[in-house]
Amino acid sequence: MAMITMQGVTILRISDFRRFFTLGEFLYKKEQFYQMFIEEQRRYCAFGNKSDALMFVDNEREFYLLRILCQWLENPDKEITVSTLDKDVLYVPEKNGEKVLFQLNRLVPYINEAKKQNRLTKKSILGLTVLYLLLGANEQGSDIPVVYELQTVGLQLKDFNECWDDVEIEKGDGLMFPLHRRIFVNANPQKPITVTWGIKNTVLQPKECLIGLFYGNTCHVLLPGKITSSQNKVSLRLTADVKTKRTRMEVHTPSDGVVYHDDVVSMALANGLPVWATSDGVIHYPDCCFAFRMRVKAFSKMKYANDFLAFVQESDDNYVFYATNNVNH
């Protein structure tokens, strides 16, 4: 069986699994993990149900969780009757049929919220709970993010969305307020993905990202993630770090190579030179970009300038500035 990686690291034991776990990558590679976990079960049975046969997990308590996790991964729609999810504990059968108790601790409020939201089935909540218990995410000192979702980009979009496969973003009909910024990054290190927005398709290479201005779950403005000037061979590229959830603009020029600017939320080329805005609301530009500088100064005088989100270049000297509740042409 091919080696499974998470965040580029080969996963051999549960310690690796815990250290490099991300839910999006796990869901994308769940078939591979299922095969790994099934192999662990085969070894355990072949050696007469002895803990000495375990290679992935550290002990039989973890193995009991792994066995339930396999049932869920094999058939997410099939009811798992052997395990019971109580208010603050999970009961899982061990090899003699007795129930083993796992304290939910840190998971309790997340489970309650997932039940309240009513977006996941009971089976899915149980499956994710078993997964998080195996990861040790129930312990108060755990730093593993707890997310009760089964899609990296689902019905409830986040400010920062990790995409492992092609994704379609709902296109808004007419500009609506208030607007909110959302980031979509290709978190898949192995292949490009396509982001579809209306009739527009954008291919994102690994780590590349797009930023959209949203009203609710509908995107009204999709900002460019790549810009190239054929005149002086300057190009801009927007990427994002999945771990830190921070964006970075790459400025490629023949003279300077690659220059980086962090936390960029919108960008353009004015007079062939990069201009950009960062997440703190600051708009950056060289003084020689006279037309752009005049537009920025005019916008900064508006009462709503403090709620600035992004700008878009519509033509060589025409820019549109978006704020939470206003747009300035």
C-alpha atoms as a PDB file:
ATOM      1  CA  MET A   1       0.000   0.000   0.000  1.00  0.00           C
ATOM      2  CA  ALA A   2       1.259   3.461  -0.903  1.00  0.00           C
ATOM      3  CA  MET A   3       2.423   5.683   1.926  1.00  0.00           C
ATOM      4  CA  ILE A   4      -0.129   8.210   3.156  1.00  0.00           C
ATOM      5  CA  THR A   5       1.007  11.747   3.842  1.00  0.00           C
ATOM      6  CA  MET A   6      -0.516  14.646   5.722  1.00  0.00           C
ATOM      7  CA  GLN A   7       0.938  18.119   5.290  1.00  0.00           C
ATOM      8  CA  GLY A   8       3.640  16.398   3.228  1.00  0.00           C
ATOM      9  CA  VAL A   9       4.708  14.066   6.080  1.00  0.00           C
ATOM     10  CA  THR A  10       4.375  10.271   5.845  1.00  0.00           C
ATOM     11  CA  ILE A  11       1.921   8.939   8.447  1.00  0.00           C
ATOM     12  CA  LEU A  12       3.139   5.685  10.010  1.00  0.00           C
ATOM     13  CA  ARG A  13       1.813   5.858  13.571  1.00  0.00           C
ATOM     14  CA  ILE A  14      -0.917   7.561  15.518  1.00  0.00           C
ATOM     15  CA  SER A  15       1.610  10.092  16.860  1.00  0.00           C
ATOM     16  CA  ASP A  16       2.194  11.256  13.259  1.00  0.00           C
ATOM     17  CA  PHE A  17      -1.556  11.279  12.650  1.00  0.00           C
ATOM     18  CA  ARG A  18      -2.134  13.564  15.631  1.00  0.00           C
ATOM     19  CA  ARG A  19       0.740  15.897  14.911  1.00  0.00           C
ATOM     20  CA  PHE A  20      -0.025  16.551  11.242  1.00  0.00           C
ATOM     21  CA  PHE A  21      -3.802  16.044  11.143  1.00  0.00           C
ATOM     22  CA  THR A  22      -6.045  18.385   9.166  1.00  0.00           C
ATOM     23  CA  LEU A  23      -9.710  17.518   8.671  1.00  0.00           C
ATOM     24  CA  GLY A  24      -9.793  18.611   5.033  1.00  0.00           C
ATOM     25  CA  GLU A  25      -6.873  16.393   4.052  1.00  0.00           C
ATOM     26  CA  PHE A  26      -8.232  13.472   6.072  1.00  0.00           C
ATOM     27  CA  LEU A  27     -11.620  13.657   4.348  1.00  0.00           C
ATOM     28  CA  TYR A  28      -9.911  13.914   0.962  1.00  0.00           C
ATOM     29  CA  LYS A  29      -7.778  10.819   1.723  1.00  0.00           C
ATOM     30  CA  LYS A  30     -10.332   8.897   3.797  1.00  0.00           C
ATOM     31  CA  GLU A  31     -10.256   5.876   1.460  1.00  0.00           C
ATOM     32  CA  GLN A  32      -6.497   5.553   1.923  1.00  0.00           C
ATOM     33  CA  PHE A  33      -6.809   5.883   5.690  1.00  0.00           C
ATOM     34  CA  TYR A  34      -9.608   3.323   5.704  1.00  0.00           C
ATOM     35  CA  GLN A  35      -7.304   0.792   4.022  1.00  0.00           C
ATOM     36  CA  MET A  36      -4.567   1.544   6.563  1.00  0.00           C
ATOM     37  CA  PHE A  37      -6.964   1.087   9.480  1.00  0.00           C
ATOM     38  CA  ILE A  38      -8.399  -2.144   8.031  1.00  0.00           C
ATOM     39  CA  GLU A  39      -4.855  -3.530   7.767  1.00  0.00           C
ATOM     40  CA  GLU A  40      -4.377  -2.752  11.473  1.00  0.00           C
ATOM     41  CA  GLN A  41      -7.523  -4.759  12.230  1.00  0.00           C
ATOM     42  CA  ARG A  42      -6.299  -7.701  10.140  1.00  0.00           C
ATOM     43  CA  ARG A  43      -2.996  -7.823  12.027  1.00  0.00           C
ATOM     44  CA  TYR A  44      -4.777  -7.662  15.376  1.00  0.00           C
ATOM     45  CA  CYS A  45      -7.080 -10.572  14.476  1.00  0.00           C
ATOM     46  CA  ALA A  46      -4.276 -12.625  12.899  1.00  0.00           C
ATOM     47  CA  PHE A  47      -2.244 -12.422  16.113  1.00  0.00           C
ATOM     48  CA  GLY A  48      -5.142 -13.605  18.257  1.00  0.00           C
ATOM     49  CA  ASN A  49      -6.361 -10.165  19.337  1.00  0.00           C
ATOM     50  CA  LYS A  50      -3.091  -9.296  21.052  1.00  0.00           C
ATOM     51  CA  SER A  51      -1.897  -5.728  21.528  1.00  0.00           C
ATOM     52  CA  ASP A  52       1.615  -6.774  20.406  1.00  0.00           C
ATOM     53  CA  ALA A  53       0.276  -6.866  16.838  1.00  0.00           C
ATOM     54  CA  LEU A  54      -0.717  -3.202  16.849  1.00  0.00           C
ATOM     55  CA  MET A  55       1.486  -0.985  14.685  1.00  0.00           C
ATOM     56  CA  PHE A  56      -0.550   2.188  14.085  1.00  0.00           C
ATOM     57  CA  VAL A  57      -2.231   2.725  17.462  1.00  0.00           C
ATOM     58  CA  ASP A  58      -0.477   2.511  20.833  1.00  0.00           C
ATOM     59  CA  ASN A  59      -2.931   0.405  22.829  1.00  0.00           C
ATOM     60  CA  GLU A  60      -6.187  -1.541  22.720  1.00  0.00           C
ATOM     61  CA  ARG A  61      -8.321   1.394  23.880  1.00  0.00           C
ATOM     62  CA  GLU A  62      -7.239   3.287  20.779  1.00  0.00           C
ATOM     63  CA  PHE A  63      -7.833   0.164  18.701  1.00  0.00           C
ATOM     64  CA  TYR A  64     -11.456  -0.019  19.847  1.00  0.00           C
ATOM     65  CA  LEU A  65     -11.950   3.524  18.591  1.00  0.00           C
ATOM     66  CA  LEU A  66     -10.174   2.666  15.338  1.00  0.00           C
ATOM     67  CA  ARG A  67     -12.539  -0.257  14.772  1.00  0.00           C
ATOM     68  CA  ILE A  68     -15.606   2.001  15.108  1.00  0.00           C
ATOM     69  CA  LEU A  69     -13.985   4.618  12.880  1.00  0.00           C
ATOM     70  CA  CYS A  70     -13.534   1.953  10.177  1.00  0.00           C
ATOM     71  CA  GLN A  71     -17.234   1.088  10.343  1.00  0.00           C
ATOM     72  CA  TRP A  72     -18.132   4.733   9.814  1.00  0.00           C
ATOM     73  CA  LEU A  73     -15.654   5.270   6.960  1.00  0.00           C
ATOM     74  CA  GLU A  74     -16.818   2.090   5.234  1.00  0.00           C
ATOM     75  CA  ASN A  75     -20.481   3.096   5.305  1.00  0.00           C
ATOM     76  CA  PRO A  76     -21.257   6.583   6.670  1.00  0.00           C
ATOM     77  CA  ASP A  77     -24.990   5.979   6.189  1.00  0.00           C
ATOM     78  CA  LYS A  78     -25.157   2.772   8.232  1.00  0.00           C
ATOM     79  CA  GLU A  79     -26.234   3.060  11.842  1.00  0.00           C
ATOM     80  CA  ILE A  80     -23.462   2.261  14.349  1.00  0.00           C
ATOM     81  CA  THR A  81     -25.451   0.496  17.055  1.00  0.00           C
ATOM     82  CA  VAL A  82     -22.545  -0.877  19.075  1.00  0.00           C
ATOM     83  CA  SER A  83     -21.449   2.567  20.309  1.00  0.00           C
ATOM     84  CA  THR A  84     -23.429   4.974  22.447  1.00  0.00           C
ATOM     85  CA  LEU A  85     -22.893   8.730  22.525  1.00  0.00           C
ATOM     86  CA  ASP A  86     -24.099  10.108  25.859  1.00  0.00           C
ATOM     87  CA  LYS A  87     -24.073  13.668  27.207  1.00  0.00           C
ATOM     88  CA  ASP A  88     -20.388  13.723  28.090  1.00  0.00           C
ATOM     89  CA  VAL A  89     -19.119  10.186  27.400  1.00  0.00           C
ATOM     90  CA  LEU A  90     -18.867   7.690  24.565  1.00  0.00           C
ATOM     91  CA  TYR A  91     -19.248   3.962  25.160  1.00  0.00           C
ATOM     92  CA  VAL A  92     -17.375   1.659  22.773  1.00  0.00           C
ATOM     93  CA  PRO A  93     -17.302  -2.181  22.943  1.00  0.00           C
ATOM     94  CA  GLU A  94     -14.001  -3.942  23.600  1.00  0.00           C
ATOM     95  CA  LYS A  95     -13.045  -7.468  22.475  1.00  0.00           C
ATOM     96  CA  ASN A  96     -15.086  -9.248  25.169  1.00  0.00           C
ATOM     97  CA  GLY A  97     -18.172  -7.171  24.543  1.00  0.00           C
ATOM     98  CA  GLU A  98     -17.748  -5.015  27.631  1.00  0.00           C
ATOM     99  CA  LYS A  99     -18.173  -1.272  27.218  1.00  0.00           C
ATOM    100  CA  VAL A 100     -15.133   1.014  27.346  1.00  0.00           C
ATOM    101  CA  LEU A 101     -15.849   4.576  28.450  1.00  0.00           C
ATOM    102  CA  PHE A 102     -14.290   7.661  26.855  1.00  0.00           C
ATOM    103  CA  GLN A 103     -14.754  11.095  28.418  1.00  0.00           C
ATOM    104  CA  LEU A 104     -15.706  13.700  25.799  1.00  0.00           C
ATOM    105  CA  ASN A 105     -14.431  16.696  27.814  1.00  0.00           C
ATOM    106  CA  ARG A 106     -13.432  19.398  25.300  1.00  0.00           C
ATOM    107  CA  LEU A 107     -15.687  17.936  22.585  1.00  0.00           C
ATOM    108  CA  VAL A 108     -18.975  18.443  24.452  1.00  0.00           C
ATOM    109  CA  PRO A 109     -19.798  22.028  23.344  1.00  0.00           C
ATOM    110  CA  TYR A 110     -18.876  21.217  19.728  1.00  0.00           C
ATOM    111  CA  ILE A 111     -21.149  18.149  19.727  1.00  0.00           C
ATOM    112  CA  ASN A 112     -24.010  20.133  21.263  1.00  0.00           C
ATOM    113  CA  GLU A 113     -23.599  22.864  18.650  1.00  0.00           C
ATOM    114  CA  ALA A 114     -23.511  20.292  15.828  1.00  0.00           C
ATOM    115  CA  LYS A 115     -26.770  18.782  17.097  1.00  0.00           C
ATOM    116  CA  LYS A 116     -28.312  22.235  17.385  1.00  0.00           C
ATOM    117  CA  GLN A 117     -27.294  23.197  13.823  1.00  0.00           C
ATOM    118  CA  ASN A 118     -28.917  19.982  12.547  1.00  0.00           C
ATOM    119  CA  ARG A 119     -26.689  19.837   9.447  1.00  0.00           C
ATOM    120  CA  LEU A 120     -25.134  16.444  10.257  1.00  0.00           C
ATOM    121  CA  THR A 121     -26.793  13.089  10.896  1.00  0.00           C
ATOM    122  CA  LYS A 122     -26.363  11.360  14.255  1.00  0.00           C
ATOM    123  CA  LYS A 123     -24.113   8.826  12.501  1.00  0.00           C
ATOM    124  CA  SER A 124     -21.841  11.582  11.189  1.00  0.00           C
ATOM    125  CA  ILE A 125     -21.629  13.254  14.596  1.00  0.00           C
ATOM    126  CA  LEU A 126     -20.732   9.901  16.157  1.00  0.00           C
ATOM    127  CA  GLY A 127     -18.128   9.179  13.456  1.00  0.00           C
ATOM    128  CA  LEU A 128     -16.437  12.548  13.845  1.00  0.00           C
ATOM    129  CA  THR A 129     -16.516  12.168  17.634  1.00  0.00           C
ATOM    130  CA  VAL A 130     -14.718   8.823  17.403  1.00  0.00           C
ATOM    131  CA  LEU A 131     -12.165  10.416  15.065  1.00  0.00           C
ATOM    132  CA  TYR A 132     -11.504  13.293  17.491  1.00  0.00           C
ATOM    133  CA  LEU A 133     -11.238  10.887  20.443  1.00  0.00           C
ATOM    134  CA  LEU A 134      -8.642   8.871  18.525  1.00  0.00           C
ATOM    135  CA  LEU A 135      -6.751  12.103  17.906  1.00  0.00           C
ATOM    136  CA  GLY A 136      -6.903  13.015  21.589  1.00  0.00           C
ATOM    137  CA  ALA A 137      -8.777  16.212  20.724  1.00  0.00           C
ATOM    138  CA  ASN A 138     -11.039  15.680  23.743  1.00  0.00           C
ATOM    139  CA  GLU A 139      -8.195  16.552  26.113  1.00  0.00           C
ATOM    140  CA  GLN A 140      -8.244  20.139  27.387  1.00  0.00           C
ATOM    141  CA  GLY A 141      -4.605  20.680  26.388  1.00  0.00           C
ATOM    142  CA  SER A 142      -5.157  19.560  22.775  1.00  0.00           C
ATOM    143  CA  ASP A 143      -4.553  22.123  20.027  1.00  0.00           C
ATOM    144  CA  ILE A 144      -6.311  20.092  17.320  1.00  0.00           C
ATOM    145  CA  PRO A 145      -9.090  22.239  15.790  1.00  0.00           C
ATOM    146  CA  VAL A 146     -12.495  20.626  16.325  1.00  0.00           C
ATOM    147  CA  VAL A 147     -14.778  21.103  13.324  1.00  0.00           C
ATOM    148  CA  TYR A 148     -17.998  19.138  12.899  1.00  0.00           C
ATOM    149  CA  GLU A 149     -18.222  19.290   9.098  1.00  0.00           C
ATOM    150  CA  LEU A 150     -17.876  16.720   6.341  1.00  0.00           C
ATOM    151  CA  GLN A 151     -17.093  19.110   3.498  1.00  0.00           C
ATOM    152  CA  THR A 152     -14.115  21.430   3.318  1.00  0.00           C
ATOM    153  CA  VAL A 153     -16.348  23.965   1.599  1.00  0.00           C
ATOM    154  CA  GLY A 154     -19.908  23.347   2.699  1.00  0.00           C
ATOM    155  CA  LEU A 155     -23.150  25.217   3.054  1.00  0.00           C
ATOM    156  CA  GLN A 156     -21.748  27.316   5.875  1.00  0.00           C
ATOM    157  CA  LEU A 157     -18.731  29.066   4.414  1.00  0.00           C
ATOM    158  CA  LYS A 158     -15.894  30.229   6.618  1.00  0.00           C
ATOM    159  CA  ASP A 159     -13.612  33.239   6.384  1.00  0.00           C
ATOM    160  CA  PHE A 160     -10.815  30.859   5.377  1.00  0.00           C
ATOM    161  CA  ASN A 161     -11.819  27.849   3.262  1.00  0.00           C
ATOM    162  CA  GLU A 162      -9.435  24.964   2.561  1.00  0.00           C
ATOM    163  CA  CYS A 163     -10.290  23.374  -0.787  1.00  0.00           C
ATOM    164  CA  TRP A 164      -9.082  19.878  -1.620  1.00  0.00           C
ATOM    165  CA  ASP A 165     -11.087  19.465  -4.792  1.00  0.00           C
ATOM    166  CA  ASP A 166     -13.004  21.559  -7.323  1.00  0.00           C
ATOM    167  CA  VAL A 167     -15.460  23.975  -5.736  1.00  0.00           C
ATOM    168  CA  GLU A 168     -18.396  26.015  -7.001  1.00  0.00           C
ATOM    169  CA  ILE A 169     -19.105  29.410  -5.429  1.00  0.00           C
ATOM    170  CA  GLU A 170     -22.623  30.779  -5.657  1.00  0.00           C
ATOM    171  CA  LYS A 171     -22.748  33.971  -7.713  1.00  0.00           C
ATOM    172  CA  GLY A 172     -24.745  36.863  -6.276  1.00  0.00           C
ATOM    173  CA  ASP A 173     -27.334  38.672  -8.393  1.00  0.00           C
ATOM    174  CA  GLY A 174     -26.775  42.403  -7.903  1.00  0.00           C
ATOM    175  CA  LEU A 175     -24.622  43.928  -5.186  1.00  0.00           C
ATOM    176  CA  MET A 176     -25.952  43.476  -1.639  1.00  0.00           C
ATOM    177  CA  PHE A 177     -24.690  44.684   1.736  1.00  0.00           C
ATOM    178  CA  PRO A 178     -23.121  44.067   4.179  1.00  0.00           C
ATOM    179  CA  LEU A 179     -20.174  42.514   2.364  1.00  0.00           C
ATOM    180  CA  HIS A 180     -17.753  40.108   3.976  1.00  0.00           C
ATOM    181  CA  ARG A 181     -14.356  38.850   2.810  1.00  0.00           C
ATOM    182  CA  ARG A 182     -13.809  35.097   2.325  1.00  0.00           C
ATOM    183  CA  ILE A 183     -10.641  33.287   1.234  1.00  0.00           C
ATOM    184  CA  PHE A 184     -10.486  30.061  -0.825  1.00  0.00           C
ATOM    185  CA  VAL A 185      -7.134  28.289  -1.011  1.00  0.00           C
ATOM    186  CA  ASN A 186      -6.076  25.163  -2.861  1.00  0.00           C
ATOM    187  CA  ALA A 187      -4.888  23.105   0.115  1.00  0.00           C
ATOM    188  CA  ASN A 188      -4.236  20.052  -2.057  1.00  0.00           C
ATOM    189  CA  PRO A 189      -0.457  19.763  -2.587  1.00  0.00           C
ATOM    190  CA  GLN A 190      -0.895  17.142  -5.302  1.00  0.00           C
ATOM    191  CA  LYS A 191      -3.095  18.752  -7.935  1.00  0.00           C
ATOM    192  CA  PRO A 192      -4.686  21.959  -9.209  1.00  0.00           C
ATOM    193  CA  ILE A 193      -8.353  22.624  -8.505  1.00  0.00           C
ATOM    194  CA  THR A 194     -10.977  24.663 -10.366  1.00  0.00           C
ATOM    195  CA  VAL A 195     -13.069  27.340  -8.671  1.00  0.00           C
ATOM    196  CA  THR A 196     -16.308  28.005 -10.544  1.00  0.00           C
ATOM    197  CA  TRP A 197     -18.137  31.304 -10.071  1.00  0.00           C
ATOM    198  CA  GLY A 198     -21.005  31.765 -12.484  1.00  0.00           C
ATOM    199  CA  ILE A 199     -19.539  31.249 -15.974  1.00  0.00           C
ATOM    200  CA  LYS A 200     -16.007  32.000 -14.772  1.00  0.00           C
ATOM    201  CA  ASN A 201     -13.607  29.123 -14.036  1.00  0.00           C
ATOM    202  CA  THR A 202     -10.322  29.810 -12.255  1.00  0.00           C
ATOM    203  CA  VAL A 203      -7.639  27.140 -11.887  1.00  0.00           C
ATOM    204  CA  LEU A 204      -5.694  27.316  -8.640  1.00  0.00           C
ATOM    205  CA  GLN A 205      -2.340  25.607  -8.308  1.00  0.00           C
ATOM    206  CA  PRO A 206      -1.377  24.281  -4.838  1.00  0.00           C
ATOM    207  CA  LYS A 207      -1.322  27.116  -2.255  1.00  0.00           C
ATOM    208  CA  GLU A 208      -2.844  29.636  -4.675  1.00  0.00           C
ATOM    209  CA  CYS A 209      -5.950  31.404  -3.426  1.00  0.00           C
ATOM    210  CA  LEU A 210      -8.869  33.615  -4.389  1.00  0.00           C
ATOM    211  CA  ILE A 211     -10.638  36.214  -2.267  1.00  0.00           C
ATOM    212  CA  GLY A 212     -14.315  36.982  -2.708  1.00  0.00           C
ATOM    213  CA  LEU A 213     -16.629  39.629  -1.278  1.00  0.00           C
ATOM    214  CA  PHE A 214     -19.725  37.893  -0.012  1.00  0.00           C
ATOM    215  CA  TYR A 215     -23.203  38.726   1.164  1.00  0.00           C
ATOM    216  CA  GLY A 216     -24.059  35.672   3.247  1.00  0.00           C
ATOM    217  CA  ASN A 217     -23.079  32.646   1.161  1.00  0.00           C
ATOM    218  CA  THR A 218     -23.308  34.398  -2.211  1.00  0.00           C
ATOM    219  CA  CYS A 219     -20.229  35.945  -3.815  1.00  0.00           C
ATOM    220  CA  HIS A 220     -20.760  39.338  -5.461  1.00  0.00           C
ATOM    221  CA  VAL A 221     -17.134  40.204  -6.263  1.00  0.00           C
ATOM    222  CA  LEU A 222     -14.356  37.709  -7.000  1.00  0.00           C
ATOM    223  CA  LEU A 223     -10.946  39.358  -6.827  1.00  0.00           C
ATOM    224  CA  PRO A 224      -8.114  38.305  -9.152  1.00  0.00           C
ATOM    225  CA  GLY A 225      -5.563  35.882  -7.754  1.00  0.00           C
ATOM    226  CA  LYS A 226      -3.065  36.393 -10.585  1.00  0.00           C
ATOM    227  CA  ILE A 227      -2.211  39.505 -12.590  1.00  0.00           C
ATOM    228  CA  THR A 228       0.381  39.800 -15.344  1.00  0.00           C
ATOM    229  CA  SER A 229       1.694  42.805 -17.247  1.00  0.00           C
ATOM    230  CA  SER A 230       3.035  41.958 -20.685  1.00  0.00           C
ATOM    231  CA  GLN A 231       4.539  45.428 -20.935  1.00  0.00           C
ATOM    232  CA  ASN A 232       7.313  45.040 -18.355  1.00  0.00           C
ATOM    233  CA  LYS A 233       6.894  41.333 -17.465  1.00  0.00           C
ATOM    234  CA  VAL A 234       5.727  42.052 -13.901  1.00  0.00           C
ATOM    235  CA  SER A 235       3.333  39.456 -12.467  1.00  0.00           C
ATOM    236  CA  LEU A 236       1.453  39.135  -9.184  1.00  0.00           C
ATOM    237  CA  ARG A 237       0.344  35.906  -7.548  1.00  0.00           C
ATOM    238  CA  LEU A 238      -1.708  35.443  -4.383  1.00  0.00           C
ATOM    239  CA  THR A 239      -1.113  32.418  -2.144  1.00  0.00           C
ATOM    240  CA  ALA A 240      -2.181  31.427   1.368  1.00  0.00           C
ATOM    241  CA  ASP A 241      -0.727  29.387   4.224  1.00  0.00           C
ATOM    242  CA  VAL A 242      -3.195  26.795   5.493  1.00  0.00           C
ATOM    243  CA  LYS A 243      -1.540  26.656   8.930  1.00  0.00           C
ATOM    244  CA  THR A 244      -1.472  30.387   9.660  1.00  0.00           C
ATOM    245  CA  LYS A 245      -4.491  31.285   7.454  1.00  0.00           C
ATOM    246  CA  ARG A 246      -2.513  34.269   6.139  1.00  0.00           C
ATOM    247  CA  THR A 247      -2.279  35.395   2.541  1.00  0.00           C
ATOM    248  CA  ARG A 248       0.887  36.406   0.702  1.00  0.00           C
ATOM    249  CA  MET A 249       1.394  38.273  -2.557  1.00  0.00           C
ATOM    250  CA  GLU A 250       4.310  37.300  -4.759  1.00  0.00           C
ATOM    251  CA  VAL A 251       5.705  40.028  -7.012  1.00  0.00           C
ATOM    252  CA  HIS A 252       7.705  38.519  -9.878  1.00  0.00           C
ATOM    253  CA  THR A 253       9.983  40.872 -11.825  1.00  0.00           C
ATOM    254  CA  PRO A 254      12.955  40.238 -14.139  1.00  0.00           C
ATOM    255  CA  SER A 255      15.190  42.578 -12.090  1.00  0.00           C
ATOM    256  CA  ASP A 256      14.317  41.628  -8.488  1.00  0.00           C
ATOM    257  CA  GLY A 257      13.143  38.039  -8.878  1.00  0.00           C
ATOM    258  CA  VAL A 258      10.401  37.396  -6.314  1.00  0.00           C
ATOM    259  CA  VAL A 259       9.401  39.849  -3.573  1.00  0.00           C
ATOM    260  CA  TYR A 260       6.791  38.916  -0.942  1.00  0.00           C
ATOM    261  CA  HIS A 261       4.140  40.963   0.866  1.00  0.00           C
ATOM    262  CA  ASP A 262       2.026  39.369   3.619  1.00  0.00           C
ATOM    263  CA  ASP A 263      -1.691  39.702   4.463  1.00  0.00           C
ATOM    264  CA  VAL A 264      -2.626  41.048   1.029  1.00  0.00           C
ATOM    265  CA  VAL A 265      -6.386  41.157   0.342  1.00  0.00           C
ATOM    266  CA  SER A 266      -6.479  42.854  -3.065  1.00  0.00           C
ATOM    267  CA  MET A 267      -3.931  43.808  -5.703  1.00  0.00           C
ATOM    268  CA  ALA A 268      -3.468  45.399  -9.118  1.00  0.00           C
ATOM    269  CA  LEU A 269      -0.828  46.766 -11.477  1.00  0.00           C
ATOM    270  CA  ALA A 270      -0.852  50.570 -11.837  1.00  0.00           C
ATOM    271  CA  ASN A 271       1.508  51.926 -14.489  1.00  0.00           C
ATOM    272  CA  GLY A 272       2.968  48.432 -14.573  1.00  0.00           C
ATOM    273  CA  LEU A 273       3.831  48.561 -10.854  1.00  0.00           C
ATOM    274  CA  PRO A 274       2.209  46.583  -8.014  1.00  0.00           C
ATOM    275  CA  VAL A 275      -0.338  48.294  -5.764  1.00  0.00           C
ATOM    276  CA  TRP A 276      -2.064  46.345  -3.021  1.00  0.00           C
ATOM    277  CA  ALA A 277      -4.147  46.448   0.140  1.00  0.00           C
ATOM    278  CA  THR A 278      -3.503  44.497   3.337  1.00  0.00           C
ATOM    279  CA  SER A 279      -5.953  43.055   5.854  1.00  0.00           C
ATOM    280  CA  ASP A 280      -5.352  45.971   8.245  1.00  0.00           C
ATOM    281  CA  GLY A 281      -7.013  48.305   5.729  1.00  0.00           C
ATOM    282  CA  VAL A 282      -3.810  49.964   4.509  1.00  0.00           C
ATOM    283  CA  ILE A 283      -3.457  50.569   0.756  1.00  0.00           C
ATOM    284  CA  HIS A 284       0.112  50.442  -0.523  1.00  0.00           C
ATOM    285  CA  TYR A 285       1.420  52.113  -3.681  1.00  0.00           C
ATOM    286  CA  PRO A 286       4.541  53.842  -5.066  1.00  0.00           C
ATOM    287  CA  ASP A 287       4.301  57.631  -5.283  1.00  0.00           C
ATOM    288  CA  CYS A 288       4.845  57.556  -9.029  1.00  0.00           C
ATOM    289  CA  CYS A 289       1.405  55.919  -9.498  1.00  0.00           C
ATOM    290  CA  PHE A 290      -0.272  59.302  -9.626  1.00  0.00           C
ATOM    291  CA  ALA A 291      -3.747  58.282 -10.855  1.00  0.00           C
ATOM    292  CA  PHE A 292      -4.040  55.465  -8.291  1.00  0.00           C
ATOM    293  CA  ARG A 293      -2.767  57.728  -5.508  1.00  0.00           C
ATOM    294  CA  MET A 294      -5.464  60.307  -6.323  1.00  0.00           C
ATOM    295  CA  ARG A 295      -8.186  57.629  -6.217  1.00  0.00           C
ATOM    296  CA  VAL A 296      -6.968  56.354  -2.859  1.00  0.00           C
ATOM    297  CA  LYS A 297      -6.942  59.859  -1.399  1.00  0.00           C
ATOM    298  CA  ALA A 298     -10.445  60.555  -2.712  1.00  0.00           C
ATOM    299  CA  PHE A 299     -11.726  57.301  -1.227  1.00  0.00           C
ATOM    300  CA  SER A 300     -10.013  57.904   2.134  1.00  0.00           C
ATOM    301  CA  LYS A 301     -12.134  61.035   2.594  1.00  0.00           C
ATOM    302  CA  MET A 302     -15.336  59.001   2.594  1.00  0.00           C
ATOM    303  CA  LYS A 303     -16.986  58.317   5.945  1.00  0.00           C
ATOM    304  CA  TYR A 304     -17.076  54.596   5.247  1.00  0.00           C
ATOM    305  CA  ALA A 305     -13.350  54.355   4.329  1.00  0.00           C
ATOM    306  CA  ASN A 306     -12.615  52.785   7.738  1.00  0.00           C
ATOM    307  CA  ASP A 307     -14.691  49.764   6.669  1.00  0.00           C
ATOM    308  CA  PHE A 308     -12.590  49.193   3.536  1.00  0.00           C
ATOM    309  CA  LEU A 309     -12.498  45.603   2.265  1.00  0.00           C
ATOM    310  CA  ALA A 310     -10.836  45.596  -1.159  1.00  0.00           C
ATOM    311  CA  PHE A 311     -10.364  47.390  -4.450  1.00  0.00           C
ATOM    312  CA  VAL A 312     -10.736  46.173  -8.023  1.00  0.00           C
ATOM    313  CA  GLN A 313      -9.104  47.580 -11.141  1.00  0.00           C
ATOM    314  CA  GLU A 314     -11.728  47.921 -13.891  1.00  0.00           C
ATOM    315  CA  SER A 315      -9.466  49.638 -16.446  1.00  0.00           C
ATOM    316  CA  ASP A 316      -6.026  51.281 -16.573  1.00  0.00           C
ATOM    317  CA  ASP A 317      -7.059  54.300 -14.476  1.00  0.00           C
ATOM    318  CA  ASN A 318     -10.408  53.215 -13.065  1.00  0.00           C
ATOM    319  CA  TYR A 319     -10.650  51.511  -9.658  1.00  0.00           C
ATOM    320  CA  VAL A 320     -13.632  50.484  -7.561  1.00  0.00           C
ATOM    321  CA  PHE A 321     -13.287  50.516  -3.762  1.00  0.00           C
ATOM    322  CA  TYR A 322     -15.487  48.247  -1.656  1.00  0.00           C
ATOM    323  CA  ALA A 323     -16.374  48.805   1.982  1.00  0.00           C
ATOM    324  CA  THR A 324     -18.614  46.703   4.231  1.00  0.00           C
ATOM    325  CA  ASN A 325     -21.745  48.699   3.407  1.00  0.00           C
ATOM    326  CA  ASN A 326     -20.703  50.858   0.454  1.00  0.00           C
ATOM    327  CA  VAL A 327     -19.052  50.860  -2.950  1.00  0.00           C
ATOM    328  CA  ASN A 328     -17.089  53.771  -4.412  1.00  0.00           C
ATOM    329  CA  HIS A 329     -16.650  53.952  -8.202  1.00  0.00           C
END
